[in-house]
Amino acid sequence: MANQYKKGDADTRPWGTWEVLDVGEKHVVKKITVTPNNILSLQSHNHRAEHWIIVKGTASVTLHEDVIELTEDQSVYIPVTAKHRIANHSQEDMVFIEVQTGETLDENDIIRYEDSYGRS
């Protein structure tokens, strides 16, 4: 299946937006904006790992059972199959760069466990 993303791909979600900044054979770089007081679904991926770098604001990251607070210039690594989510509990946009790596990179590689917007 390989990489299904193209540079310039973008989408609006209930929690904010994402945009593909770069793609390669086994990587994707996205800029993700989470609007104030929003949270992404608790999810995992079967085919990709992710590295998140916070570039604006403060993020509350759930990784397995742990919740960690990250601020600008801090990062976290999300291994393949790890349950994870990110939230913005502030009154300003939170922005992070997501680097996906793996043999198969596809927006449909999402298993949702909990979702505030009825998508699980």
N, C-alpha and C. Protein backbone atom coordinates (compact mmCIF):
# COMPACT_ATOMS: atom_id res chain seq x y z
N MET A 1 0.82 -1.18 0.00
CA MET A 1 0.00 0.00 0.00
C MET A 1 0.87 1.25 0.00
N ALA A 2 1.90 1.29 0.79
CA ALA A 2 2.87 2.40 0.82
C ALA A 2 2.23 3.70 1.31
N ASN A 3 2.69 4.82 0.77
CA ASN A 3 2.29 6.13 1.25
C ASN A 3 1.11 6.65 0.43
N GLN A 4 -0.03 6.87 1.10
CA GLN A 4 -1.24 7.33 0.42
C GLN A 4 -1.39 8.86 0.47
N TYR A 5 -0.46 9.56 1.14
CA TYR A 5 -0.55 11.01 1.28
C TYR A 5 0.16 11.72 0.14
N LYS A 6 -0.29 12.96 -0.13
CA LYS A 6 0.38 13.83 -1.08
C LYS A 6 0.63 15.17 -0.42
N LYS A 7 1.75 15.80 -0.74
CA LYS A 7 2.06 17.13 -0.22
C LYS A 7 0.90 18.07 -0.57
N GLY A 8 0.44 18.83 0.41
CA GLY A 8 -0.66 19.75 0.19
C GLY A 8 -2.01 19.19 0.61
N ASP A 9 -2.11 17.86 0.84
CA ASP A 9 -3.35 17.30 1.36
C ASP A 9 -3.70 18.03 2.65
N ALA A 10 -4.97 18.25 2.90
CA ALA A 10 -5.41 18.95 4.11
C ALA A 10 -6.83 18.55 4.42
N ASP A 11 -7.22 18.73 5.68
CA ASP A 11 -8.59 18.42 6.06
C ASP A 11 -8.95 19.22 7.30
N THR A 12 -10.25 19.49 7.44
CA THR A 12 -10.79 20.13 8.63
C THR A 12 -11.54 19.06 9.41
N ARG A 13 -11.26 18.99 10.70
CA ARG A 13 -11.90 18.02 11.58
C ARG A 13 -12.64 18.76 12.68
N PRO A 14 -13.45 18.08 13.49
CA PRO A 14 -14.18 18.78 14.55
C PRO A 14 -13.26 19.47 15.56
N TRP A 15 -12.02 18.99 15.70
CA TRP A 15 -11.06 19.52 16.67
C TRP A 15 -10.09 20.54 16.09
N GLY A 16 -10.06 20.72 14.75
CA GLY A 16 -9.10 21.63 14.14
C GLY A 16 -8.79 21.24 12.71
N THR A 17 -7.50 21.35 12.33
CA THR A 17 -7.11 21.07 10.94
C THR A 17 -5.77 20.32 10.88
N TRP A 18 -5.54 19.67 9.74
CA TRP A 18 -4.21 19.12 9.45
C TRP A 18 -3.86 19.40 7.99
N GLU A 19 -2.54 19.50 7.76
CA GLU A 19 -2.02 19.76 6.41
C GLU A 19 -0.73 18.99 6.23
N VAL A 20 -0.58 18.33 5.09
CA VAL A 20 0.64 17.58 4.78
C VAL A 20 1.70 18.54 4.23
N LEU A 21 2.84 18.62 4.94
CA LEU A 21 3.93 19.51 4.54
C LEU A 21 4.96 18.81 3.66
N ASP A 22 5.15 17.49 3.88
CA ASP A 22 6.17 16.76 3.14
C ASP A 22 5.81 15.28 3.14
N VAL A 23 6.19 14.58 2.07
CA VAL A 23 6.00 13.13 2.00
C VAL A 23 7.24 12.48 1.41
N GLY A 24 7.47 11.26 1.81
CA GLY A 24 8.53 10.43 1.26
C GLY A 24 8.01 9.02 1.17
N GLU A 25 8.85 8.10 0.74
CA GLU A 25 8.41 6.72 0.59
C GLU A 25 7.89 6.14 1.90
N LYS A 26 8.57 6.47 3.03
CA LYS A 26 8.19 5.89 4.32
C LYS A 26 7.98 6.94 5.40
N HIS A 27 7.66 8.19 4.99
CA HIS A 27 7.37 9.21 6.01
C HIS A 27 6.36 10.24 5.48
N VAL A 28 5.68 10.86 6.44
CA VAL A 28 4.76 11.96 6.17
C VAL A 28 4.99 12.99 7.26
N VAL A 29 5.02 14.27 6.90
CA VAL A 29 5.13 15.35 7.88
C VAL A 29 3.85 16.18 7.79
N LYS A 30 3.14 16.28 8.92
CA LYS A 30 1.89 17.06 8.97
C LYS A 30 2.02 18.20 9.97
N LYS A 31 1.36 19.30 9.67
CA LYS A 31 1.15 20.38 10.63
C LYS A 31 -0.29 20.24 11.11
N ILE A 32 -0.46 20.09 12.42
CA ILE A 32 -1.78 19.86 12.99
C ILE A 32 -2.10 20.99 13.97
N THR A 33 -3.27 21.60 13.78
CA THR A 33 -3.73 22.67 14.67
C THR A 33 -4.95 22.17 15.43
N VAL A 34 -4.87 22.24 16.76
CA VAL A 34 -5.98 21.84 17.62
C VAL A 34 -6.55 23.12 18.22
N THR A 35 -7.82 23.39 17.94
CA THR A 35 -8.46 24.61 18.41
C THR A 35 -8.70 24.54 19.92
N PRO A 36 -8.97 25.69 20.55
CA PRO A 36 -9.12 25.73 22.01
C PRO A 36 -10.14 24.74 22.56
N ASN A 37 -9.76 24.11 23.67
CA ASN A 37 -10.62 23.18 24.40
C ASN A 37 -11.12 22.02 23.55
N ASN A 38 -10.26 21.51 22.67
CA ASN A 38 -10.61 20.35 21.85
C ASN A 38 -9.63 19.21 22.08
N ILE A 39 -10.06 18.00 21.69
CA ILE A 39 -9.29 16.78 21.94
C ILE A 39 -9.48 15.83 20.77
N LEU A 40 -8.41 15.17 20.35
CA LEU A 40 -8.50 14.16 19.31
C LEU A 40 -8.96 12.85 19.94
N SER A 41 -9.38 11.90 19.11
CA SER A 41 -9.85 10.62 19.63
C SER A 41 -8.69 9.84 20.25
N LEU A 42 -9.04 8.99 21.24
CA LEU A 42 -8.08 8.02 21.76
C LEU A 42 -7.98 6.96 20.68
N GLN A 43 -6.77 6.73 20.16
CA GLN A 43 -6.61 5.90 18.97
C GLN A 43 -5.29 5.16 18.99
N SER A 44 -5.16 4.26 18.03
CA SER A 44 -3.88 3.60 17.77
C SER A 44 -3.78 3.35 16.27
N HIS A 45 -2.58 2.95 15.84
CA HIS A 45 -2.32 2.68 14.42
C HIS A 45 -1.59 1.35 14.31
N ASN A 46 -1.97 0.54 13.34
CA ASN A 46 -1.31 -0.76 13.13
C ASN A 46 -0.07 -0.67 12.27
N HIS A 47 0.10 0.41 11.51
CA HIS A 47 1.17 0.45 10.51
C HIS A 47 2.13 1.61 10.63
N ARG A 48 1.90 2.52 11.57
CA ARG A 48 2.78 3.68 11.64
C ARG A 48 3.10 4.07 13.07
N ALA A 49 4.30 4.63 13.21
CA ALA A 49 4.69 5.29 14.45
C ALA A 49 4.60 6.79 14.18
N GLU A 50 4.53 7.58 15.26
CA GLU A 50 4.44 9.03 15.10
C GLU A 50 5.38 9.70 16.10
N HIS A 51 5.92 10.82 15.68
CA HIS A 51 6.71 11.68 16.56
C HIS A 51 6.04 13.04 16.52
N TRP A 52 5.65 13.55 17.69
CA TRP A 52 4.97 14.84 17.77
C TRP A 52 5.89 15.87 18.38
N ILE A 53 6.01 17.02 17.74
CA ILE A 53 6.81 18.14 18.25
C ILE A 53 5.86 19.33 18.41
N ILE A 54 5.73 19.83 19.63
CA ILE A 54 4.84 20.96 19.89
C ILE A 54 5.56 22.23 19.44
N VAL A 55 4.87 23.02 18.61
CA VAL A 55 5.48 24.26 18.11
C VAL A 55 4.75 25.51 18.59
N LYS A 56 3.54 25.34 19.13
CA LYS A 56 2.80 26.49 19.68
C LYS A 56 1.82 25.98 20.73
N GLY A 57 1.84 26.61 21.89
CA GLY A 57 0.88 26.28 22.93
C GLY A 57 1.32 25.15 23.83
N THR A 58 0.34 24.60 24.55
CA THR A 58 0.57 23.50 25.49
C THR A 58 -0.34 22.34 25.13
N ALA A 59 0.22 21.14 25.12
CA ALA A 59 -0.53 19.94 24.77
C ALA A 59 -0.60 19.00 25.96
N SER A 60 -1.74 18.36 26.11
CA SER A 60 -1.90 17.29 27.08
C SER A 60 -1.95 15.98 26.28
N VAL A 61 -0.90 15.17 26.44
CA VAL A 61 -0.74 13.96 25.62
C VAL A 61 -1.00 12.72 26.48
N THR A 62 -1.90 11.88 25.99
CA THR A 62 -2.12 10.57 26.61
C THR A 62 -1.35 9.55 25.79
N LEU A 63 -0.49 8.78 26.46
CA LEU A 63 0.28 7.72 25.82
C LEU A 63 0.17 6.50 26.73
N HIS A 64 -0.48 5.45 26.24
CA HIS A 64 -0.84 4.29 27.06
C HIS A 64 -1.72 4.80 28.21
N GLU A 65 -1.30 4.63 29.44
CA GLU A 65 -2.09 5.07 30.61
C GLU A 65 -1.59 6.40 31.17
N ASP A 66 -0.49 6.92 30.62
CA ASP A 66 0.13 8.14 31.15
C ASP A 66 -0.39 9.38 30.45
N VAL A 67 -0.49 10.48 31.20
CA VAL A 67 -0.82 11.78 30.62
C VAL A 67 0.34 12.72 30.92
N ILE A 68 0.89 13.33 29.86
CA ILE A 68 2.02 14.23 30.04
C ILE A 68 1.69 15.58 29.41
N GLU A 69 2.19 16.63 30.03
CA GLU A 69 1.99 17.98 29.50
C GLU A 69 3.25 18.37 28.73
N LEU A 70 3.07 18.84 27.52
CA LEU A 70 4.19 19.28 26.69
C LEU A 70 3.98 20.72 26.28
N THR A 71 5.07 21.48 26.22
CA THR A 71 5.01 22.86 25.76
C THR A 71 5.90 23.00 24.52
N GLU A 72 5.97 24.21 24.00
CA GLU A 72 6.72 24.45 22.78
C GLU A 72 8.13 23.87 22.85
N ASP A 73 8.55 23.23 21.76
CA ASP A 73 9.87 22.64 21.59
C ASP A 73 10.05 21.35 22.39
N GLN A 74 8.97 20.76 22.88
CA GLN A 74 9.04 19.45 23.51
C GLN A 74 8.38 18.44 22.58
N SER A 75 8.72 17.16 22.74
CA SER A 75 8.22 16.16 21.82
C SER A 75 7.93 14.84 22.53
N VAL A 76 7.21 13.97 21.82
CA VAL A 76 6.90 12.63 22.32
C VAL A 76 6.89 11.68 21.13
N TYR A 77 7.32 10.44 21.38
CA TYR A 77 7.32 9.39 20.37
C TYR A 77 6.16 8.44 20.64
N ILE A 78 5.36 8.16 19.63
CA ILE A 78 4.21 7.27 19.73
C ILE A 78 4.54 5.99 18.94
N PRO A 79 4.84 4.88 19.62
CA PRO A 79 5.16 3.64 18.90
C PRO A 79 3.94 3.06 18.17
N VAL A 80 4.18 2.21 17.19
CA VAL A 80 3.12 1.49 16.48
C VAL A 80 2.28 0.74 17.53
N THR A 81 0.98 0.77 17.37
CA THR A 81 -0.06 0.12 18.20
C THR A 81 -0.28 0.77 19.58
N ALA A 82 0.45 1.82 19.93
CA ALA A 82 0.26 2.47 21.23
C ALA A 82 -1.01 3.30 21.23
N LYS A 83 -1.83 3.17 22.28
CA LYS A 83 -3.01 4.02 22.42
C LYS A 83 -2.54 5.42 22.79
N HIS A 84 -3.10 6.43 22.08
CA HIS A 84 -2.64 7.80 22.30
C HIS A 84 -3.72 8.80 21.91
N ARG A 85 -3.56 10.02 22.42
CA ARG A 85 -4.40 11.16 22.03
C ARG A 85 -3.72 12.43 22.46
N ILE A 86 -4.19 13.54 21.91
CA ILE A 86 -3.65 14.85 22.27
C ILE A 86 -4.81 15.81 22.48
N ALA A 87 -4.66 16.70 23.46
CA ALA A 87 -5.72 17.65 23.79
C ALA A 87 -5.14 19.03 23.97
N ASN A 88 -5.98 20.03 23.70
CA ASN A 88 -5.64 21.42 23.92
C ASN A 88 -6.64 21.97 24.93
N HIS A 89 -6.21 22.17 26.18
CA HIS A 89 -7.09 22.65 27.24
C HIS A 89 -7.01 24.17 27.41
N SER A 90 -6.33 24.85 26.49
CA SER A 90 -6.14 26.30 26.62
C SER A 90 -7.17 27.07 25.79
N GLN A 91 -7.04 28.40 25.83
CA GLN A 91 -7.93 29.28 25.08
C GLN A 91 -7.32 29.73 23.75
N GLU A 92 -6.16 29.18 23.40
CA GLU A 92 -5.49 29.52 22.14
C GLU A 92 -5.23 28.25 21.34
N ASP A 93 -5.04 28.41 20.03
CA ASP A 93 -4.69 27.26 19.20
C ASP A 93 -3.40 26.61 19.70
N MET A 94 -3.34 25.30 19.62
CA MET A 94 -2.12 24.54 19.88
C MET A 94 -1.72 23.91 18.54
N VAL A 95 -0.44 24.01 18.20
CA VAL A 95 0.04 23.51 16.91
C VAL A 95 1.18 22.54 17.17
N PHE A 96 1.14 21.39 16.46
CA PHE A 96 2.26 20.46 16.55
C PHE A 96 2.57 19.90 15.17
N ILE A 97 3.82 19.47 15.03
CA ILE A 97 4.28 18.82 13.81
C ILE A 97 4.28 17.32 14.09
N GLU A 98 3.64 16.58 13.21
CA GLU A 98 3.56 15.12 13.34
C GLU A 98 4.39 14.49 12.23
N VAL A 99 5.36 13.67 12.61
CA VAL A 99 6.15 12.92 11.63
C VAL A 99 5.72 11.46 11.74
N GLN A 100 5.07 10.97 10.69
CA GLN A 100 4.66 9.57 10.64
C GLN A 100 5.73 8.78 9.90
N THR A 101 6.04 7.58 10.42
CA THR A 101 6.99 6.70 9.74
C THR A 101 6.40 5.29 9.70
N GLY A 102 6.65 4.59 8.61
CA GLY A 102 6.18 3.22 8.49
C GLY A 102 6.13 2.76 7.05
N GLU A 103 5.87 1.47 6.88
CA GLU A 103 5.78 0.88 5.55
C GLU A 103 4.48 1.27 4.85
N THR A 104 3.40 1.45 5.64
CA THR A 104 2.09 1.83 5.11
C THR A 104 1.63 3.08 5.82
N LEU A 105 1.40 4.15 5.07
CA LEU A 105 0.95 5.42 5.63
C LEU A 105 -0.37 5.79 4.96
N ASP A 106 -1.45 5.74 5.73
CA ASP A 106 -2.79 5.90 5.19
C ASP A 106 -3.68 6.51 6.26
N GLU A 107 -4.48 7.50 5.90
CA GLU A 107 -5.37 8.17 6.86
C GLU A 107 -6.37 7.19 7.48
N ASN A 108 -6.64 6.07 6.83
CA ASN A 108 -7.58 5.09 7.36
C ASN A 108 -6.97 4.14 8.39
N ASP A 109 -5.67 4.26 8.64
CA ASP A 109 -5.00 3.43 9.66
C ASP A 109 -5.23 4.04 11.04
N ILE A 110 -6.50 4.11 11.43
CA ILE A 110 -6.88 4.65 12.74
C ILE A 110 -7.88 3.71 13.38
N ILE A 111 -7.56 3.25 14.58
CA ILE A 111 -8.50 2.49 15.40
C ILE A 111 -8.90 3.43 16.53
N ARG A 112 -10.18 3.82 16.57
CA ARG A 112 -10.65 4.75 17.60
C ARG A 112 -11.27 3.98 18.77
N TYR A 113 -10.87 4.37 19.99
CA TYR A 113 -11.39 3.76 21.21
C TYR A 113 -12.38 4.68 21.92
N GLU A 114 -12.10 5.97 21.89
CA GLU A 114 -12.99 6.99 22.48
C GLU A 114 -12.93 8.20 21.55
N ASP A 115 -14.09 8.88 21.41
CA ASP A 115 -14.11 10.05 20.55
C ASP A 115 -15.21 10.99 21.00
N SER A 116 -14.86 12.25 21.22
CA SER A 116 -15.81 13.27 21.68
C SER A 116 -16.80 13.67 20.60
N TYR A 117 -16.58 13.23 19.35
CA TYR A 117 -17.39 13.69 18.23
C TYR A 117 -18.16 12.53 17.57
N GLY A 118 -18.32 11.41 18.30
CA GLY A 118 -19.14 10.31 17.83
C GLY A 118 -18.57 9.49 16.68
N ARG A 119 -17.24 9.48 16.54
CA ARG A 119 -16.62 8.74 15.41
C ARG A 119 -16.03 7.39 15.82
N SER A 120 -16.16 6.98 17.10
CA SER A 120 -15.57 5.70 17.50
C SER A 120 -16.50 4.54 17.24
